[in-house]
Amino acid sequence: MQTLAIIPARFHSSRFPGKPLIDLKGQTMIERVYKGAAKAKQIDTLVVATDDQRIYNEVKRFGGNVIMTKSTHQSGTERCAEVLSQFPDYDVILNIQGDEPLVSALQLSQLLDAFEDQSVQIATLVNEDVSSEDLLNVNRIKVLSDINSNALYFSRSPLPNMHYAKDSIFPWLRHIGLYAYRAETLKSISKLNPCHLEQAESLEQLRWLYYGYPIRLINTTIETPNIDVAEDVEKVLPFL
């Protein structure tokens, strides 16, 4: 199984512009993500995909592989699909979020191991450690699982509604934004039209569920806090 790992990186983030180039104790965020991902032995090729010359130059500076992509992409998935067109012989594509400076090679291996099951088309990571703050934080995505560990729904809200079971303990799952896809699946989902569920939550993975693509949930106990907004930087620095 040939694995291509892609780190989509854009400069103009609505919540935190310039995020890939922020300094995190002497290294830019994109450098930390790249070097962390490079430790995963199952990855055959690792590349940053960007449409910004500043990010391109930074990756070249620290010796990473980088590809310039179109500026018209609406998502990291579309950017990954463009890169895949240049690597036709790869079987599984790993989409590594560019805001995970503490990305763990073990996490990536856990995700890739899911593809030993030939029925898996898309896989992503979840964590059972969900605080009350996480439930109310719209930047911490919650996910519901079915009995086969496939995703039922992703939400920014603390689903399900616990009105009728207020004293019950619910097995909350928090989504960790790392994805892997079979190559043919990535090609297909990158061509899907947006759906109303995705637009309501601003979560692209709801598009895949809407069109019938199952997403396997892989449980991990590894905690790697990401940086969604500027306020998250101070929370991450102590771990570096």
C-alpha atoms as a PDB file:
ATOM      1  CA  MET A   1       0.000   0.000   0.000  1.00  0.00           C
ATOM      2  CA  GLN A   2       1.606   3.231  -1.199  1.00  0.00           C
ATOM      3  CA  THR A   3       0.747   6.200   1.034  1.00  0.00           C
ATOM      4  CA  LEU A   4       0.844   9.844   0.026  1.00  0.00           C
ATOM      5  CA  ALA A   5       0.581  12.350   2.885  1.00  0.00           C
ATOM      6  CA  ILE A   6      -0.514  15.897   2.047  1.00  0.00           C
ATOM      7  CA  ILE A   7      -0.560  18.962   4.295  1.00  0.00           C
ATOM      8  CA  PRO A   8      -2.920  21.549   2.747  1.00  0.00           C
ATOM      9  CA  ALA A   9      -1.836  25.006   3.887  1.00  0.00           C
ATOM     10  CA  ARG A  10      -3.471  28.334   3.073  1.00  0.00           C
ATOM     11  CA  PHE A  11      -2.528  31.784   4.301  1.00  0.00           C
ATOM     12  CA  HIS A  12      -5.941  33.450   4.257  1.00  0.00           C
ATOM     13  CA  SER A  13      -7.741  31.627   7.054  1.00  0.00           C
ATOM     14  CA  SER A  14     -10.910  33.454   8.117  1.00  0.00           C
ATOM     15  CA  ARG A  15     -10.358  32.636  11.815  1.00  0.00           C
ATOM     16  CA  PHE A  16      -6.571  33.088  11.929  1.00  0.00           C
ATOM     17  CA  PRO A  17      -4.893  34.663   8.860  1.00  0.00           C
ATOM     18  CA  GLY A  18      -1.265  33.684   8.353  1.00  0.00           C
ATOM     19  CA  LYS A  19      -1.576  30.729  10.723  1.00  0.00           C
ATOM     20  CA  PRO A  20       0.907  28.386   8.955  1.00  0.00           C
ATOM     21  CA  LEU A  21       3.717  30.916   9.357  1.00  0.00           C
ATOM     22  CA  ILE A  22       3.319  31.833  13.023  1.00  0.00           C
ATOM     23  CA  ASP A  23       6.391  31.277  15.176  1.00  0.00           C
ATOM     24  CA  LEU A  24       6.116  28.454  17.698  1.00  0.00           C
ATOM     25  CA  LYS A  25       9.294  28.535  19.788  1.00  0.00           C
ATOM     26  CA  GLY A  26      11.652  29.033  16.885  1.00  0.00           C
ATOM     27  CA  GLN A  27       9.843  27.061  14.182  1.00  0.00           C
ATOM     28  CA  THR A  28       6.886  28.000  12.034  1.00  0.00           C
ATOM     29  CA  MET A  29       3.738  25.966  12.487  1.00  0.00           C
ATOM     30  CA  ILE A  30       4.008  24.441   9.005  1.00  0.00           C
ATOM     31  CA  GLU A  31       7.561  23.283   9.795  1.00  0.00           C
ATOM     32  CA  ARG A  32       6.442  21.624  13.028  1.00  0.00           C
ATOM     33  CA  VAL A  33       3.536  19.870  11.293  1.00  0.00           C
ATOM     34  CA  TYR A  34       5.776  18.684   8.462  1.00  0.00           C
ATOM     35  CA  LYS A  35       8.558  17.359  10.690  1.00  0.00           C
ATOM     36  CA  GLY A  36       6.091  15.664  13.011  1.00  0.00           C
ATOM     37  CA  ALA A  37       4.335  13.915  10.116  1.00  0.00           C
ATOM     38  CA  ALA A  38       7.641  12.878   8.541  1.00  0.00           C
ATOM     39  CA  LYS A  39       8.281  10.563  11.509  1.00  0.00           C
ATOM     40  CA  ALA A  40       5.462   8.230  10.432  1.00  0.00           C
ATOM     41  CA  LYS A  41       7.165   5.257   8.773  1.00  0.00           C
ATOM     42  CA  GLN A  42       4.068   4.258   6.792  1.00  0.00           C
ATOM     43  CA  ILE A  43       4.218   7.475   4.755  1.00  0.00           C
ATOM     44  CA  ASP A  44       5.992   6.997   1.429  1.00  0.00           C
ATOM     45  CA  THR A  45       5.772  10.613   0.239  1.00  0.00           C
ATOM     46  CA  LEU A  46       5.018  13.781   2.218  1.00  0.00           C
ATOM     47  CA  VAL A  47       4.196  17.100   0.589  1.00  0.00           C
ATOM     48  CA  VAL A  48       2.741  20.498   1.510  1.00  0.00           C
ATOM     49  CA  ALA A  49       0.052  21.795  -0.860  1.00  0.00           C
ATOM     50  CA  THR A  50      -0.404  25.569  -0.911  1.00  0.00           C
ATOM     51  CA  ASP A  51      -1.482  28.445  -3.122  1.00  0.00           C
ATOM     52  CA  ASP A  52       0.616  31.030  -1.284  1.00  0.00           C
ATOM     53  CA  GLN A  53       4.170  31.933  -2.257  1.00  0.00           C
ATOM     54  CA  ARG A  54       5.101  32.785   1.329  1.00  0.00           C
ATOM     55  CA  ILE A  55       4.211  29.313   2.548  1.00  0.00           C
ATOM     56  CA  TYR A  56       5.897  27.761  -0.492  1.00  0.00           C
ATOM     57  CA  ASN A  57       9.117  29.636   0.277  1.00  0.00           C
ATOM     58  CA  GLU A  58       9.010  28.647   3.951  1.00  0.00           C
ATOM     59  CA  VAL A  59       8.682  24.933   3.163  1.00  0.00           C
ATOM     60  CA  LYS A  60      11.570  25.189   0.705  1.00  0.00           C
ATOM     61  CA  ARG A  61      13.620  26.947   3.388  1.00  0.00           C
ATOM     62  CA  PHE A  62      13.422  24.078   5.841  1.00  0.00           C
ATOM     63  CA  GLY A  63      13.900  21.453   3.118  1.00  0.00           C
ATOM     64  CA  GLY A  64      10.384  20.110   2.743  1.00  0.00           C
ATOM     65  CA  ASN A  65       8.501  19.021  -0.366  1.00  0.00           C
ATOM     66  CA  VAL A  66       5.908  21.525  -1.546  1.00  0.00           C
ATOM     67  CA  ILE A  67       3.567  21.913  -4.513  1.00  0.00           C
ATOM     68  CA  MET A  68       1.805  25.064  -5.656  1.00  0.00           C
ATOM     69  CA  THR A  69      -1.888  24.439  -6.252  1.00  0.00           C
ATOM     70  CA  LYS A  70      -4.808  26.454  -7.605  1.00  0.00           C
ATOM     71  CA  SER A  71      -6.135  29.346  -5.533  1.00  0.00           C
ATOM     72  CA  THR A  72      -9.749  28.476  -6.367  1.00  0.00           C
ATOM     73  CA  HIS A  73     -10.052  25.442  -4.068  1.00  0.00           C
ATOM     74  CA  GLN A  74     -12.781  25.698  -1.461  1.00  0.00           C
ATOM     75  CA  SER A  75     -11.365  22.996   0.814  1.00  0.00           C
ATOM     76  CA  GLY A  76      -8.283  21.038   1.728  1.00  0.00           C
ATOM     77  CA  THR A  77      -9.896  17.981   0.153  1.00  0.00           C
ATOM     78  CA  GLU A  78     -10.015  19.654  -3.244  1.00  0.00           C
ATOM     79  CA  ARG A  79      -6.392  20.701  -2.825  1.00  0.00           C
ATOM     80  CA  CYS A  80      -5.410  17.133  -1.957  1.00  0.00           C
ATOM     81  CA  ALA A  81      -7.227  15.840  -5.029  1.00  0.00           C
ATOM     82  CA  GLU A  82      -5.231  18.182  -7.252  1.00  0.00           C
ATOM     83  CA  VAL A  83      -1.982  16.924  -5.748  1.00  0.00           C
ATOM     84  CA  LEU A  84      -3.117  13.305  -6.143  1.00  0.00           C
ATOM     85  CA  SER A  85      -3.383  13.873  -9.903  1.00  0.00           C
ATOM     86  CA  GLN A  86       0.415  14.208  -9.914  1.00  0.00           C
ATOM     87  CA  PHE A  87       0.879  10.938  -7.989  1.00  0.00           C
ATOM     88  CA  PRO A  88      -1.328   8.395  -9.821  1.00  0.00           C
ATOM     89  CA  ASP A  89       0.302   5.273  -8.335  1.00  0.00           C
ATOM     90  CA  TYR A  90      -0.636   5.886  -4.682  1.00  0.00           C
ATOM     91  CA  ASP A  91      -3.324   3.870  -2.917  1.00  0.00           C
ATOM     92  CA  VAL A  92      -4.116   5.823   0.263  1.00  0.00           C
ATOM     93  CA  ILE A  93      -4.001   9.582   0.761  1.00  0.00           C
ATOM     94  CA  LEU A  94      -3.461  11.100   4.197  1.00  0.00           C
ATOM     95  CA  ASN A  95      -4.795  14.632   4.709  1.00  0.00           C
ATOM     96  CA  ILE A  96      -2.918  16.226   7.603  1.00  0.00           C
ATOM     97  CA  GLN A  97      -4.335  19.469   8.953  1.00  0.00           C
ATOM     98  CA  GLY A  98      -1.815  22.304   8.862  1.00  0.00           C
ATOM     99  CA  ASP A  99      -2.839  23.515  12.331  1.00  0.00           C
ATOM    100  CA  GLU A 100      -1.663  20.393  14.222  1.00  0.00           C
ATOM    101  CA  PRO A 101       1.884  21.346  15.339  1.00  0.00           C
ATOM    102  CA  LEU A 102       1.947  18.408  17.778  1.00  0.00           C
ATOM    103  CA  VAL A 103       0.865  15.819  15.212  1.00  0.00           C
ATOM    104  CA  SER A 104       2.001  12.377  16.314  1.00  0.00           C
ATOM    105  CA  ALA A 105       3.477   9.729  14.032  1.00  0.00           C
ATOM    106  CA  LEU A 106       1.641   7.127  16.119  1.00  0.00           C
ATOM    107  CA  GLN A 107      -1.662   8.893  15.436  1.00  0.00           C
ATOM    108  CA  LEU A 108      -1.010   8.764  11.712  1.00  0.00           C
ATOM    109  CA  SER A 109      -0.105   5.088  11.895  1.00  0.00           C
ATOM    110  CA  GLN A 110      -3.330   4.318  13.777  1.00  0.00           C
ATOM    111  CA  LEU A 111      -5.303   6.045  11.051  1.00  0.00           C
ATOM    112  CA  LEU A 112      -3.513   4.268   8.208  1.00  0.00           C
ATOM    113  CA  ASP A 113      -3.933   0.873   9.882  1.00  0.00           C
ATOM    114  CA  ALA A 114      -7.679   1.239   9.309  1.00  0.00           C
ATOM    115  CA  PHE A 115      -7.142   0.566   5.602  1.00  0.00           C
ATOM    116  CA  GLU A 116      -6.182  -3.031   6.292  1.00  0.00           C
ATOM    117  CA  ASP A 117      -9.981  -3.408   6.261  1.00  0.00           C
ATOM    118  CA  GLN A 118     -10.781  -3.328   2.548  1.00  0.00           C
ATOM    119  CA  SER A 119     -14.259  -1.901   3.206  1.00  0.00           C
ATOM    120  CA  VAL A 120     -12.857   1.363   4.608  1.00  0.00           C
ATOM    121  CA  GLN A 121     -13.093   4.248   2.139  1.00  0.00           C
ATOM    122  CA  ILE A 122     -12.490   7.190   4.483  1.00  0.00           C
ATOM    123  CA  ALA A 123     -11.111   7.170   8.018  1.00  0.00           C
ATOM    124  CA  THR A 124     -10.624   9.826  10.674  1.00  0.00           C
ATOM    125  CA  LEU A 125      -9.620  10.021  14.342  1.00  0.00           C
ATOM    126  CA  VAL A 126     -11.729  10.596  17.443  1.00  0.00           C
ATOM    127  CA  ASN A 127     -10.956  10.961  21.146  1.00  0.00           C
ATOM    128  CA  GLU A 128     -13.188  10.004  24.080  1.00  0.00           C
ATOM    129  CA  ASP A 129     -11.731  12.703  26.335  1.00  0.00           C
ATOM    130  CA  VAL A 130     -14.411  15.374  25.978  1.00  0.00           C
ATOM    131  CA  SER A 131     -14.726  18.122  28.564  1.00  0.00           C
ATOM    132  CA  SER A 132     -17.792  20.224  29.297  1.00  0.00           C
ATOM    133  CA  GLU A 133     -15.930  23.122  27.684  1.00  0.00           C
ATOM    134  CA  ASP A 134     -15.405  21.062  24.538  1.00  0.00           C
ATOM    135  CA  LEU A 135     -19.120  20.375  24.307  1.00  0.00           C
ATOM    136  CA  LEU A 136     -19.912  24.082  24.219  1.00  0.00           C
ATOM    137  CA  ASN A 137     -16.956  25.124  22.057  1.00  0.00           C
ATOM    138  CA  VAL A 138     -18.053  25.431  18.419  1.00  0.00           C
ATOM    139  CA  ASN A 139     -14.439  24.943  17.307  1.00  0.00           C
ATOM    140  CA  ARG A 140     -14.331  21.493  18.965  1.00  0.00           C
ATOM    141  CA  ILE A 141     -16.205  19.159  16.655  1.00  0.00           C
ATOM    142  CA  LYS A 142     -18.308  16.391  18.163  1.00  0.00           C
ATOM    143  CA  VAL A 143     -19.165  13.175  16.329  1.00  0.00           C
ATOM    144  CA  LEU A 144     -21.743  10.427  16.779  1.00  0.00           C
ATOM    145  CA  SER A 145     -20.834   6.813  15.993  1.00  0.00           C
ATOM    146  CA  ASP A 146     -22.869   3.814  14.920  1.00  0.00           C
ATOM    147  CA  ILE A 147     -22.314   0.254  16.159  1.00  0.00           C
ATOM    148  CA  ASN A 148     -19.729  -0.385  13.410  1.00  0.00           C
ATOM    149  CA  SER A 149     -17.592   2.641  14.358  1.00  0.00           C
ATOM    150  CA  ASN A 150     -18.777   4.589  11.341  1.00  0.00           C
ATOM    151  CA  ALA A 151     -19.777   8.216  11.714  1.00  0.00           C
ATOM    152  CA  LEU A 152     -23.461   9.072  11.985  1.00  0.00           C
ATOM    153  CA  TYR A 153     -23.033  12.843  12.194  1.00  0.00           C
ATOM    154  CA  PHE A 154     -20.523  15.579  12.985  1.00  0.00           C
ATOM    155  CA  SER A 155     -21.585  18.757  14.743  1.00  0.00           C
ATOM    156  CA  ARG A 156     -20.357  21.892  16.433  1.00  0.00           C
ATOM    157  CA  SER A 157     -23.221  21.409  18.907  1.00  0.00           C
ATOM    158  CA  PRO A 158     -23.247  18.940  21.826  1.00  0.00           C
ATOM    159  CA  LEU A 159     -25.407  16.322  20.147  1.00  0.00           C
ATOM    160  CA  PRO A 160     -27.483  14.417  21.102  1.00  0.00           C
ATOM    161  CA  ASN A 161     -30.013  16.499  22.985  1.00  0.00           C
ATOM    162  CA  MET A 162     -29.918  15.142  26.556  1.00  0.00           C
ATOM    163  CA  HIS A 163     -33.295  16.567  27.634  1.00  0.00           C
ATOM    164  CA  TYR A 164     -34.719  13.117  28.389  1.00  0.00           C
ATOM    165  CA  ALA A 165     -31.517  11.680  29.893  1.00  0.00           C
ATOM    166  CA  LYS A 166     -30.007  14.551  31.848  1.00  0.00           C
ATOM    167  CA  ASP A 167     -28.422  12.303  34.456  1.00  0.00           C
ATOM    168  CA  SER A 168     -27.026   9.792  31.975  1.00  0.00           C
ATOM    169  CA  ILE A 169     -23.393   9.525  30.997  1.00  0.00           C
ATOM    170  CA  PHE A 170     -23.094   9.750  27.231  1.00  0.00           C
ATOM    171  CA  PRO A 171     -20.065   8.408  25.289  1.00  0.00           C
ATOM    172  CA  TRP A 172     -19.105  11.722  23.698  1.00  0.00           C
ATOM    173  CA  LEU A 173     -16.495  11.667  20.954  1.00  0.00           C
ATOM    174  CA  ARG A 174     -14.390  14.627  19.878  1.00  0.00           C
ATOM    175  CA  HIS A 175     -13.195  14.754  16.295  1.00  0.00           C
ATOM    176  CA  ILE A 176      -9.497  15.092  15.535  1.00  0.00           C
ATOM    177  CA  GLY A 177      -9.138  16.619  12.094  1.00  0.00           C
ATOM    178  CA  LEU A 178      -6.941  14.065  10.364  1.00  0.00           C
ATOM    179  CA  TYR A 179      -8.340  12.163   7.375  1.00  0.00           C
ATOM    180  CA  ALA A 180      -7.237   9.349   5.127  1.00  0.00           C
ATOM    181  CA  TYR A 181      -8.938   8.204   1.926  1.00  0.00           C
ATOM    182  CA  ARG A 182      -8.515   5.591  -0.714  1.00  0.00           C
ATOM    183  CA  ALA A 183      -7.304   7.314  -3.866  1.00  0.00           C
ATOM    184  CA  GLU A 184     -10.434   6.612  -5.905  1.00  0.00           C
ATOM    185  CA  THR A 185     -12.650   7.795  -3.058  1.00  0.00           C
ATOM    186  CA  LEU A 186     -10.768  11.081  -2.789  1.00  0.00           C
ATOM    187  CA  LYS A 187     -11.199  11.658  -6.514  1.00  0.00           C
ATOM    188  CA  SER A 188     -14.935  11.072  -6.182  1.00  0.00           C
ATOM    189  CA  ILE A 189     -15.684  13.151  -3.084  1.00  0.00           C
ATOM    190  CA  SER A 190     -13.684  16.106  -4.406  1.00  0.00           C
ATOM    191  CA  LYS A 191     -16.262  16.429  -7.207  1.00  0.00           C
ATOM    192  CA  LEU A 192     -19.373  16.399  -4.999  1.00  0.00           C
ATOM    193  CA  ASN A 193     -21.559  19.472  -4.744  1.00  0.00           C
ATOM    194  CA  PRO A 194     -22.003  21.096  -1.305  1.00  0.00           C
ATOM    195  CA  CYS A 195     -25.080  20.072   0.675  1.00  0.00           C
ATOM    196  CA  HIS A 196     -27.301  21.894   3.157  1.00  0.00           C
ATOM    197  CA  LEU A 197     -25.957  19.976   6.178  1.00  0.00           C
ATOM    198  CA  GLU A 198     -22.392  20.957   5.357  1.00  0.00           C
ATOM    199  CA  GLN A 199     -23.368  24.586   4.882  1.00  0.00           C
ATOM    200  CA  ALA A 200     -25.313  24.697   8.144  1.00  0.00           C
ATOM    201  CA  GLU A 201     -22.409  23.389  10.244  1.00  0.00           C
ATOM    202  CA  SER A 202     -19.524  24.527   8.008  1.00  0.00           C
ATOM    203  CA  LEU A 203     -18.166  20.975   8.136  1.00  0.00           C
ATOM    204  CA  GLU A 204     -17.108  19.458   4.839  1.00  0.00           C
ATOM    205  CA  GLN A 205     -17.257  15.848   6.062  1.00  0.00           C
ATOM    206  CA  LEU A 206     -21.049  16.136   6.276  1.00  0.00           C
ATOM    207  CA  ARG A 207     -21.040  16.365   2.480  1.00  0.00           C
ATOM    208  CA  TRP A 208     -19.462  12.917   2.249  1.00  0.00           C
ATOM    209  CA  LEU A 209     -21.984  11.411   4.655  1.00  0.00           C
ATOM    210  CA  TYR A 210     -24.852  13.072   2.816  1.00  0.00           C
ATOM    211  CA  TYR A 211     -23.811  11.425  -0.444  1.00  0.00           C
ATOM    212  CA  GLY A 212     -23.424   8.018   1.207  1.00  0.00           C
ATOM    213  CA  TYR A 213     -19.694   7.694   1.819  1.00  0.00           C
ATOM    214  CA  PRO A 214     -19.048   5.942   5.159  1.00  0.00           C
ATOM    215  CA  ILE A 215     -16.403   7.437   7.459  1.00  0.00           C
ATOM    216  CA  ARG A 216     -14.661   4.991   9.801  1.00  0.00           C
ATOM    217  CA  LEU A 217     -13.889   6.416  13.235  1.00  0.00           C
ATOM    218  CA  ILE A 218     -10.576   5.366  14.768  1.00  0.00           C
ATOM    219  CA  ASN A 219     -10.266   5.911  18.491  1.00  0.00           C
ATOM    220  CA  THR A 220      -7.018   7.367  19.762  1.00  0.00           C
ATOM    221  CA  THR A 221      -5.902   8.335  23.252  1.00  0.00           C
ATOM    222  CA  ILE A 222      -3.188  10.639  21.951  1.00  0.00           C
ATOM    223  CA  GLU A 223      -3.979  14.293  22.641  1.00  0.00           C
ATOM    224  CA  THR A 224      -2.559  16.803  20.195  1.00  0.00           C
ATOM    225  CA  PRO A 225      -4.188  20.213  20.688  1.00  0.00           C
ATOM    226  CA  ASN A 226      -4.573  22.111  17.439  1.00  0.00           C
ATOM    227  CA  ILE A 227      -4.601  25.837  16.758  1.00  0.00           C
ATOM    228  CA  ASP A 228      -7.955  27.030  15.404  1.00  0.00           C
ATOM    229  CA  VAL A 229      -7.746  30.626  16.579  1.00  0.00           C
ATOM    230  CA  ALA A 230      -5.053  32.925  17.954  1.00  0.00           C
ATOM    231  CA  GLU A 231      -6.101  32.208  21.530  1.00  0.00           C
ATOM    232  CA  ASP A 232      -5.111  28.548  21.096  1.00  0.00           C
ATOM    233  CA  VAL A 233      -1.431  29.387  20.675  1.00  0.00           C
ATOM    234  CA  GLU A 234      -0.833  29.873  24.399  1.00  0.00           C
ATOM    235  CA  LYS A 235      -2.485  26.525  25.103  1.00  0.00           C
ATOM    236  CA  VAL A 236      -0.123  24.710  22.722  1.00  0.00           C
ATOM    237  CA  LEU A 237       3.193  26.370  23.606  1.00  0.00           C
ATOM    238  CA  PRO A 238       3.738  24.469  26.895  1.00  0.00           C
ATOM    239  CA  PHE A 239       3.650  21.149  24.990  1.00  0.00           C
ATOM    240  CA  LEU A 240       6.353  22.099  22.484  1.00  0.00           C
END
